[in-house]
């Protein structure tokens, strides 16, 4: 799918404004149909580098080959995002 700079900015805006991660994920799904969005505990993403830090939240860009998912730093190949809440 890929994300351009405008879409990435919109994801960051939604994430910052949302009261919860679930609300952020729902907002991203509404604004960018087709982009997979989810949230996990920050512990699950330990050792990975977020693409963006948005306040006390981290955004990870995800890529899939159709079977396995992996973290990517390239928004142009991102098929989805994962959001985490930092303690």
PDB file of N, CA and C in Angstrom:
ATOM      1  N   UNK A   1       0.829  -1.192   0.000  1.00  0.00           N
ATOM      2  CA  UNK A   1       0.000   0.000   0.000  1.00  0.00           C
ATOM      3  C   UNK A   1       0.869   1.250   0.000  1.00  0.00           C
ATOM      4  N   UNK A   2       1.715   1.401   1.006  1.00  0.00           N
ATOM      5  CA  UNK A   2       2.577   2.570   1.102  1.00  0.00           C
ATOM      6  C   UNK A   2       1.872   3.781   1.676  1.00  0.00           C
ATOM      7  N   UNK A   3       2.607   4.585   2.391  1.00  0.00           N
ATOM      8  CA  UNK A   3       2.097   5.829   2.962  1.00  0.00           C
ATOM      9  C   UNK A   3       2.929   6.988   2.456  1.00  0.00           C
ATOM     10  N   UNK A   4       2.251   8.043   1.990  1.00  0.00           N
ATOM     11  CA  UNK A   4       2.992   9.234   1.596  1.00  0.00           C
ATOM     12  C   UNK A   4       3.121  10.155   2.812  1.00  0.00           C
ATOM     13  N   UNK A   5       3.858  11.234   2.653  1.00  0.00           N
ATOM     14  CA  UNK A   5       4.133  12.143   3.773  1.00  0.00           C
ATOM     15  C   UNK A   5       2.848  12.727   4.352  1.00  0.00           C
ATOM     16  N   UNK A   6       1.892  13.054   3.500  1.00  0.00           N
ATOM     17  CA  UNK A   6       0.626  13.624   3.965  1.00  0.00           C
ATOM     18  C   UNK A   6      -0.154  12.611   4.814  1.00  0.00           C
ATOM     19  N   UNK A   7      -0.182  11.370   4.377  1.00  0.00           N
ATOM     20  CA  UNK A   7      -0.880  10.336   5.140  1.00  0.00           C
ATOM     21  C   UNK A   7      -0.188  10.074   6.475  1.00  0.00           C
ATOM     22  N   UNK A   8       1.119  10.049   6.471  1.00  0.00           N
ATOM     23  CA  UNK A   8       1.867   9.829   7.707  1.00  0.00           C
ATOM     24  C   UNK A   8       1.621  10.966   8.698  1.00  0.00           C
ATOM     25  N   UNK A   9       1.554  12.179   8.198  1.00  0.00           N
ATOM     26  CA  UNK A   9       1.237  13.332   9.042  1.00  0.00           C
ATOM     27  C   UNK A   9      -0.166  13.206   9.615  1.00  0.00           C
ATOM     28  N   UNK A  10      -1.110  12.736   8.816  1.00  0.00           N
ATOM     29  CA  UNK A  10      -2.487  12.554   9.283  1.00  0.00           C
ATOM     30  C   UNK A  10      -2.566  11.461  10.352  1.00  0.00           C
ATOM     31  N   UNK A  11      -1.836  10.382  10.173  1.00  0.00           N
ATOM     32  CA  UNK A  11      -1.787   9.323  11.185  1.00  0.00           C
ATOM     33  C   UNK A  11      -1.244   9.895  12.496  1.00  0.00           C
ATOM     34  N   UNK A  12      -0.197  10.684  12.429  1.00  0.00           N
ATOM     35  CA  UNK A  12       0.383  11.295  13.628  1.00  0.00           C
ATOM     36  C   UNK A  12      -0.614  12.239  14.291  1.00  0.00           C
ATOM     37  N   UNK A  13      -1.315  13.025  13.502  1.00  0.00           N
ATOM     38  CA  UNK A  13      -2.309  13.959  14.047  1.00  0.00           C
ATOM     39  C   UNK A  13      -3.419  13.203  14.776  1.00  0.00           C
ATOM     40  N   UNK A  14      -3.935  12.162  14.148  1.00  0.00           N
ATOM     41  CA  UNK A  14      -5.000  11.359  14.753  1.00  0.00           C
ATOM     42  C   UNK A  14      -4.507  10.715  16.043  1.00  0.00           C
ATOM     43  N   UNK A  15      -3.316  10.167  16.008  1.00  0.00           N
ATOM     44  CA  UNK A  15      -2.746   9.482  17.171  1.00  0.00           C
ATOM     45  C   UNK A  15      -2.552  10.440  18.337  1.00  0.00           C
ATOM     46  N   UNK A  16      -2.075  11.625  18.063  1.00  0.00           N
ATOM     47  CA  UNK A  16      -1.849  12.620  19.114  1.00  0.00           C
ATOM     48  C   UNK A  16      -3.165  13.096  19.724  1.00  0.00           C
ATOM     49  N   UNK A  17      -4.193  13.259  18.900  1.00  0.00           N
ATOM     50  CA  UNK A  17      -5.471  13.794  19.366  1.00  0.00           C
ATOM     51  C   UNK A  17      -6.342  12.756  20.072  1.00  0.00           C
ATOM     52  N   UNK A  18      -6.110  11.488  19.821  1.00  0.00           N
ATOM     53  CA  UNK A  18      -6.973  10.435  20.357  1.00  0.00           C
ATOM     54  C   UNK A  18      -6.798  10.267  21.864  1.00  0.00           C
ATOM     55  N   UNK A  19      -7.905   9.998  22.530  1.00  0.00           N
ATOM     56  CA  UNK A  19      -7.873   9.784  23.975  1.00  0.00           C
ATOM     57  C   UNK A  19      -7.282   8.425  24.342  1.00  0.00           C
ATOM     58  N   UNK A  20      -7.357   7.483  23.415  1.00  0.00           N
ATOM     59  CA  UNK A  20      -6.831   6.142  23.674  1.00  0.00           C
ATOM     60  C   UNK A  20      -6.211   5.580  22.397  1.00  0.00           C
ATOM     61  N   UNK A  21      -5.421   4.541  22.546  1.00  0.00           N
ATOM     62  CA  UNK A  21      -4.847   3.892  21.360  1.00  0.00           C
ATOM     63  C   UNK A  21      -5.944   3.296  20.490  1.00  0.00           C
ATOM     64  N   UNK A  22      -6.961   2.692  21.110  1.00  0.00           N
ATOM     65  CA  UNK A  22      -8.067   2.102  20.345  1.00  0.00           C
ATOM     66  C   UNK A  22      -8.753   3.180  19.509  1.00  0.00           C
ATOM     67  N   UNK A  23      -8.971   4.352  20.090  1.00  0.00           N
ATOM     68  CA  UNK A  23      -9.581   5.466  19.361  1.00  0.00           C
ATOM     69  C   UNK A  23      -8.676   5.900  18.206  1.00  0.00           C
ATOM     70  N   UNK A  24      -7.379   5.917  18.426  1.00  0.00           N
ATOM     71  CA  UNK A  24      -6.434   6.285  17.365  1.00  0.00           C
ATOM     72  C   UNK A  24      -6.492   5.283  16.219  1.00  0.00           C
ATOM     73  N   UNK A  25      -6.488   3.993  16.548  1.00  0.00           N
ATOM     74  CA  UNK A  25      -6.555   2.955  15.517  1.00  0.00           C
ATOM     75  C   UNK A  25      -7.849   3.084  14.717  1.00  0.00           C
ATOM     76  N   UNK A  26      -8.968   3.273  15.399  1.00  0.00           N
ATOM     77  CA  UNK A  26     -10.248   3.430  14.705  1.00  0.00           C
ATOM     78  C   UNK A  26     -10.228   4.644  13.784  1.00  0.00           C
ATOM     79  N   UNK A  27      -9.649   5.749  14.259  1.00  0.00           N
ATOM     80  CA  UNK A  27      -9.563   6.956  13.442  1.00  0.00           C
ATOM     81  C   UNK A  27      -8.700   6.765  12.212  1.00  0.00           C
ATOM     82  N   UNK A  28      -7.575   6.094  12.367  1.00  0.00           N
ATOM     83  CA  UNK A  28      -6.685   5.832  11.228  1.00  0.00           C
ATOM     84  C   UNK A  28      -7.393   4.953  10.209  1.00  0.00           C
ATOM     85  N   UNK A  29      -8.089   3.933  10.676  1.00  0.00           N
ATOM     86  CA  UNK A  29      -8.812   3.037   9.762  1.00  0.00           C
ATOM     87  C   UNK A  29      -9.878   3.782   8.965  1.00  0.00           C
ATOM     88  N   UNK A  30     -10.544   4.743   9.604  1.00  0.00           N
ATOM     89  CA  UNK A  30     -11.568   5.532   8.904  1.00  0.00           C
ATOM     90  C   UNK A  30     -10.957   6.438   7.842  1.00  0.00           C
ATOM     91  N   UNK A  31      -9.844   7.062   8.165  1.00  0.00           N
ATOM     92  CA  UNK A  31      -9.244   8.062   7.282  1.00  0.00           C
ATOM     93  C   UNK A  31      -8.436   7.432   6.148  1.00  0.00           C
ATOM     94  N   UNK A  32      -7.819   6.290   6.413  1.00  0.00           N
ATOM     95  CA  UNK A  32      -6.995   5.633   5.389  1.00  0.00           C
ATOM     96  C   UNK A  32      -7.489   4.193   5.215  1.00  0.00           C
ATOM     97  N   UNK A  33      -8.590   4.028   4.481  1.00  0.00           N
ATOM     98  CA  UNK A  33      -9.118   2.681   4.260  1.00  0.00           C
ATOM     99  C   UNK A  33      -8.066   1.802   3.575  1.00  0.00           C
ATOM    100  N   UNK A  34      -8.004   0.566   3.993  1.00  0.00           N
ATOM    101  CA  UNK A  34      -7.044  -0.360   3.410  1.00  0.00           C
ATOM    102  C   UNK A  34      -5.753  -0.467   4.192  1.00  0.00           C
ATOM    103  N   UNK A  35      -5.452   0.534   5.018  1.00  0.00           N
ATOM    104  CA  UNK A  35      -4.260   0.469   5.864  1.00  0.00           C
ATOM    105  C   UNK A  35      -4.602  -0.351   7.102  1.00  0.00           C
ATOM    106  N   UNK A  36      -3.849  -1.365   7.360  1.00  0.00           N
ATOM    107  CA  UNK A  36      -4.067  -2.167   8.564  1.00  0.00           C
ATOM    108  C   UNK A  36      -3.477  -1.417   9.749  1.00  0.00           C
ATOM    109  N   UNK A  37      -4.250  -1.344  10.804  1.00  0.00           N
ATOM    110  CA  UNK A  37      -3.814  -0.614  11.992  1.00  0.00           C
ATOM    111  C   UNK A  37      -4.184  -1.418  13.224  1.00  0.00           C
ATOM    112  N   UNK A  38      -3.254  -1.491  14.156  1.00  0.00           N
ATOM    113  CA  UNK A  38      -3.522  -2.206  15.401  1.00  0.00           C
ATOM    114  C   UNK A  38      -2.686  -1.611  16.519  1.00  0.00           C
ATOM    115  N   UNK A  39      -2.958  -2.088  17.714  1.00  0.00           N
ATOM    116  CA  UNK A  39      -2.216  -1.652  18.882  1.00  0.00           C
ATOM    117  C   UNK A  39      -1.766  -2.881  19.663  1.00  0.00           C
ATOM    118  N   UNK A  40      -0.596  -2.800  20.219  1.00  0.00           N
ATOM    119  CA  UNK A  40      -0.074  -3.861  21.082  1.00  0.00           C
ATOM    120  C   UNK A  40       0.595  -3.204  22.277  1.00  0.00           C
ATOM    121  N   UNK A  41       0.889  -4.004  23.267  1.00  0.00           N
ATOM    122  CA  UNK A  41       1.627  -3.521  24.421  1.00  0.00           C
ATOM    123  C   UNK A  41       3.042  -3.132  23.985  1.00  0.00           C
ATOM    124  N   UNK A  42       3.571  -2.076  24.556  1.00  0.00           N
ATOM    125  CA  UNK A  42       4.920  -1.616  24.199  1.00  0.00           C
ATOM    126  C   UNK A  42       5.962  -2.712  24.402  1.00  0.00           C
ATOM    127  N   UNK A  43       5.746  -3.588  25.360  1.00  0.00           N
ATOM    128  CA  UNK A  43       6.675  -4.688  25.621  1.00  0.00           C
ATOM    129  C   UNK A  43       6.809  -5.592  24.393  1.00  0.00           C
ATOM    130  N   UNK A  44       5.719  -5.750  23.651  1.00  0.00           N
ATOM    131  CA  UNK A  44       5.738  -6.611  22.465  1.00  0.00           C
ATOM    132  C   UNK A  44       6.618  -6.061  21.349  1.00  0.00           C
ATOM    133  N   UNK A  45       6.913  -4.772  21.377  1.00  0.00           N
ATOM    134  CA  UNK A  45       7.729  -4.152  20.330  1.00  0.00           C
ATOM    135  C   UNK A  45       9.134  -3.817  20.836  1.00  0.00           C
ATOM    136  N   UNK A  46       9.488  -4.335  21.999  1.00  0.00           N
ATOM    137  CA  UNK A  46      10.823  -4.073  22.563  1.00  0.00           C
ATOM    138  C   UNK A  46      11.891  -4.491  21.555  1.00  0.00           C
ATOM    139  N   UNK A  47      12.911  -3.701  21.473  1.00  0.00           N
ATOM    140  CA  UNK A  47      14.001  -3.998  20.547  1.00  0.00           C
ATOM    141  C   UNK A  47      13.777  -3.464  19.144  1.00  0.00           C
ATOM    142  N   UNK A  48      12.574  -3.002  18.860  1.00  0.00           N
ATOM    143  CA  UNK A  48      12.275  -2.425  17.546  1.00  0.00           C
ATOM    144  C   UNK A  48      12.362  -0.901  17.638  1.00  0.00           C
ATOM    145  N   UNK A  49      12.671  -0.270  16.529  1.00  0.00           N
ATOM    146  CA  UNK A  49      12.775   1.187  16.485  1.00  0.00           C
ATOM    147  C   UNK A  49      11.510   1.768  15.860  1.00  0.00           C
ATOM    148  N   UNK A  50      10.816   2.653  16.588  1.00  0.00           N
ATOM    149  CA  UNK A  50       9.608   3.239  16.015  1.00  0.00           C
ATOM    150  C   UNK A  50       9.940   4.199  14.875  1.00  0.00           C
ATOM    151  N   UNK A  51       9.019   4.303  13.945  1.00  0.00           N
ATOM    152  CA  UNK A  51       9.170   5.265  12.857  1.00  0.00           C
ATOM    153  C   UNK A  51       8.944   6.679  13.379  1.00  0.00           C
ATOM    154  N   UNK A  52       8.019   6.796  14.330  1.00  0.00           N
ATOM    155  CA  UNK A  52       7.699   8.095  14.926  1.00  0.00           C
ATOM    156  C   UNK A  52       7.415   7.925  16.406  1.00  0.00           C
ATOM    157  N   UNK A  53       7.800   8.912  17.178  1.00  0.00           N
ATOM    158  CA  UNK A  53       7.356   9.028  18.562  1.00  0.00           C
ATOM    159  C   UNK A  53       6.367  10.182  18.568  1.00  0.00           C
ATOM    160  N   UNK A  54       5.154   9.893  19.011  1.00  0.00           N
ATOM    161  CA  UNK A  54       4.068  10.871  18.992  1.00  0.00           C
ATOM    162  C   UNK A  54       3.616  11.068  20.433  1.00  0.00           C
ATOM    163  N   UNK A  55       4.146  12.096  21.072  1.00  0.00           N
ATOM    164  CA  UNK A  55       3.871  12.277  22.494  1.00  0.00           C
ATOM    165  C   UNK A  55       4.413  11.083  23.252  1.00  0.00           C
ATOM    166  N   UNK A  56       3.541  10.405  23.998  1.00  0.00           N
ATOM    167  CA  UNK A  56       3.968   9.212  24.741  1.00  0.00           C
ATOM    168  C   UNK A  56       3.568   7.922  24.022  1.00  0.00           C
ATOM    169  N   UNK A  57       3.396   8.028  22.716  1.00  0.00           N
ATOM    170  CA  UNK A  57       3.036   6.875  21.887  1.00  0.00           C
ATOM    171  C   UNK A  57       4.083   6.669  20.802  1.00  0.00           C
ATOM    172  N   UNK A  58       4.261   5.422  20.428  1.00  0.00           N
ATOM    173  CA  UNK A  58       5.176   5.084  19.336  1.00  0.00           C
ATOM    174  C   UNK A  58       4.390   4.500  18.177  1.00  0.00           C
ATOM    175  N   UNK A  59       4.826   4.844  16.973  1.00  0.00           N
ATOM    176  CA  UNK A  59       4.226   4.332  15.752  1.00  0.00           C
ATOM    177  C   UNK A  59       5.269   3.505  15.012  1.00  0.00           C
ATOM    178  N   UNK A  60       4.912   2.282  14.719  1.00  0.00           N
ATOM    179  CA  UNK A  60       5.768   1.376  13.963  1.00  0.00           C
ATOM    180  C   UNK A  60       5.129   1.131  12.608  1.00  0.00           C
ATOM    181  N   UNK A  61       5.917   1.219  11.569  1.00  0.00           N
ATOM    182  CA  UNK A  61       5.453   0.910  10.222  1.00  0.00           C
ATOM    183  C   UNK A  61       5.671  -0.578   9.982  1.00  0.00           C
ATOM    184  N   UNK A  62       4.679  -1.226   9.398  1.00  0.00           N
ATOM    185  CA  UNK A  62       4.735  -2.664   9.196  1.00  0.00           C
ATOM    186  C   UNK A  62       4.613  -2.999   7.714  1.00  0.00           C
ATOM    187  N   UNK A  63       5.324  -4.035   7.314  1.00  0.00           N
ATOM    188  CA  UNK A  63       5.295  -4.527   5.931  1.00  0.00           C
ATOM    189  C   UNK A  63       4.985  -6.020   5.963  1.00  0.00           C
ATOM    190  N   UNK A  64       4.257  -6.492   4.956  1.00  0.00           N
ATOM    191  CA  UNK A  64       3.976  -7.917   4.866  1.00  0.00           C
ATOM    192  C   UNK A  64       4.290  -8.439   3.473  1.00  0.00           C
ATOM    193  N   UNK A  65       4.722  -9.686   3.438  1.00  0.00           N
ATOM    194  CA  UNK A  65       4.942 -10.363   2.159  1.00  0.00           C
ATOM    195  C   UNK A  65       3.721 -11.208   1.808  1.00  0.00           C
ATOM    196  N   UNK A  66       2.646 -11.024   2.547  1.00  0.00           N
ATOM    197  CA  UNK A  66       1.438 -11.793   2.351  1.00  0.00           C
ATOM    198  C   UNK A  66       1.287 -12.895   3.387  1.00  0.00           C
ATOM    199  N   UNK A  67       2.358 -13.175   4.103  1.00  0.00           N
ATOM    200  CA  UNK A  67       2.317 -14.214   5.131  1.00  0.00           C
ATOM    201  C   UNK A  67       2.885 -13.692   6.455  1.00  0.00           C
ATOM    202  N   UNK A  68       4.102 -13.210   6.429  1.00  0.00           N
ATOM    203  CA  UNK A  68       4.781 -12.721   7.635  1.00  0.00           C
ATOM    204  C   UNK A  68       4.801 -11.194   7.657  1.00  0.00           C
ATOM    205  N   UNK A  69       4.759 -10.642   8.861  1.00  0.00           N
ATOM    206  CA  UNK A  69       4.853  -9.206   9.061  1.00  0.00           C
ATOM    207  C   UNK A  69       6.224  -8.861   9.612  1.00  0.00           C
ATOM    208  N   UNK A  70       6.728  -7.678   9.231  1.00  0.00           N
ATOM    209  CA  UNK A  70       7.992  -7.195   9.776  1.00  0.00           C
ATOM    210  C   UNK A  70       7.934  -5.681   9.904  1.00  0.00           C
ATOM    211  N   UNK A  71       8.747  -5.152  10.812  1.00  0.00           N
ATOM    212  CA  UNK A  71       8.850  -3.706  10.990  1.00  0.00           C
ATOM    213  C   UNK A  71       9.704  -3.159   9.853  1.00  0.00           C
ATOM    214  N   UNK A  72       9.277  -2.020   9.307  1.00  0.00           N
ATOM    215  CA  UNK A  72      10.038  -1.350   8.260  1.00  0.00           C
ATOM    216  C   UNK A  72      10.208   0.118   8.632  1.00  0.00           C
ATOM    217  N   UNK A  73      11.235   0.725   8.123  1.00  0.00           N
ATOM    218  CA  UNK A  73      11.423   2.169   8.327  1.00  0.00           C
ATOM    219  C   UNK A  73      10.961   2.950   7.105  1.00  0.00           C
ATOM    220  N   UNK A  74      10.550   2.248   6.064  1.00  0.00           N
ATOM    221  CA  UNK A  74      10.178   2.877   4.793  1.00  0.00           C
ATOM    222  C   UNK A  74       8.663   3.007   4.671  1.00  0.00           C
ATOM    223  N   UNK A  75       8.131   4.223   4.794  1.00  0.00           N
ATOM    224  CA  UNK A  75       6.686   4.391   4.687  1.00  0.00           C
ATOM    225  C   UNK A  75       6.130   3.997   3.315  1.00  0.00           C
ATOM    226  N   UNK A  76       6.951   4.025   2.298  1.00  0.00           N
ATOM    227  CA  UNK A  76       6.468   3.699   0.955  1.00  0.00           C
ATOM    228  C   UNK A  76       6.161   2.217   0.771  1.00  0.00           C
ATOM    229  N   UNK A  77       6.659   1.364   1.665  1.00  0.00           N
ATOM    230  CA  UNK A  77       6.345  -0.068   1.589  1.00  0.00           C
ATOM    231  C   UNK A  77       5.465  -0.523   2.757  1.00  0.00           C
ATOM    232  N   UNK A  78       5.023   0.414   3.584  1.00  0.00           N
ATOM    233  CA  UNK A  78       4.215   0.062   4.753  1.00  0.00           C
ATOM    234  C   UNK A  78       2.828  -0.414   4.327  1.00  0.00           C
ATOM    235  N   UNK A  79       2.434  -1.551   4.871  1.00  0.00           N
ATOM    236  CA  UNK A  79       1.095  -2.098   4.649  1.00  0.00           C
ATOM    237  C   UNK A  79       0.208  -1.874   5.868  1.00  0.00           C
ATOM    238  N   UNK A  80       0.825  -1.447   6.965  1.00  0.00           N
ATOM    239  CA  UNK A  80       0.075  -1.244   8.181  1.00  0.00           C
ATOM    240  C   UNK A  80       0.901  -0.511   9.216  1.00  0.00           C
ATOM    241  N   UNK A  81       0.247  -0.222  10.330  1.00  0.00           N
ATOM    242  CA  UNK A  81       0.914   0.436  11.454  1.00  0.00           C
ATOM    243  C   UNK A  81       0.575  -0.297  12.743  1.00  0.00           C
ATOM    244  N   UNK A  82       1.458  -0.176  13.705  1.00  0.00           N
ATOM    245  CA  UNK A  82       1.211  -0.642  15.068  1.00  0.00           C
ATOM    246  C   UNK A  82       1.492   0.537  15.984  1.00  0.00           C
ATOM    247  N   UNK A  83       0.569   0.789  16.900  1.00  0.00           N
ATOM    248  CA  UNK A  83       0.733   1.855  17.886  1.00  0.00           C
ATOM    249  C   UNK A  83       0.942   1.247  19.266  1.00  0.00           C
ATOM    250  N   UNK A  84       1.829   1.865  20.034  1.00  0.00           N
ATOM    251  CA  UNK A  84       2.049   1.452  21.420  1.00  0.00           C
ATOM    252  C   UNK A  84       2.003   2.674  22.327  1.00  0.00           C
ATOM    253  N   UNK A  85       1.664   2.421  23.583  1.00  0.00           N
ATOM    254  CA  UNK A  85       1.637   3.470  24.609  1.00  0.00           C
ATOM    255  C   UNK A  85       2.854   3.298  25.492  1.00  0.00           C
ATOM    256  N   UNK A  86       3.660   4.325  25.631  1.00  0.00           N
ATOM    257  CA  UNK A  86       4.829   4.254  26.507  1.00  0.00           C
ATOM    258  C   UNK A  86       4.413   4.551  27.942  1.00  0.00           C
ATOM    259  N   UNK A  87       5.068   3.886  28.896  1.00  0.00           N
ATOM    260  CA  UNK A  87       4.715   4.110  30.313  1.00  0.00           C
ATOM    261  C   UNK A  87       5.078   5.511  30.768  1.00  0.00           C
TER     262      UNK A  87
END
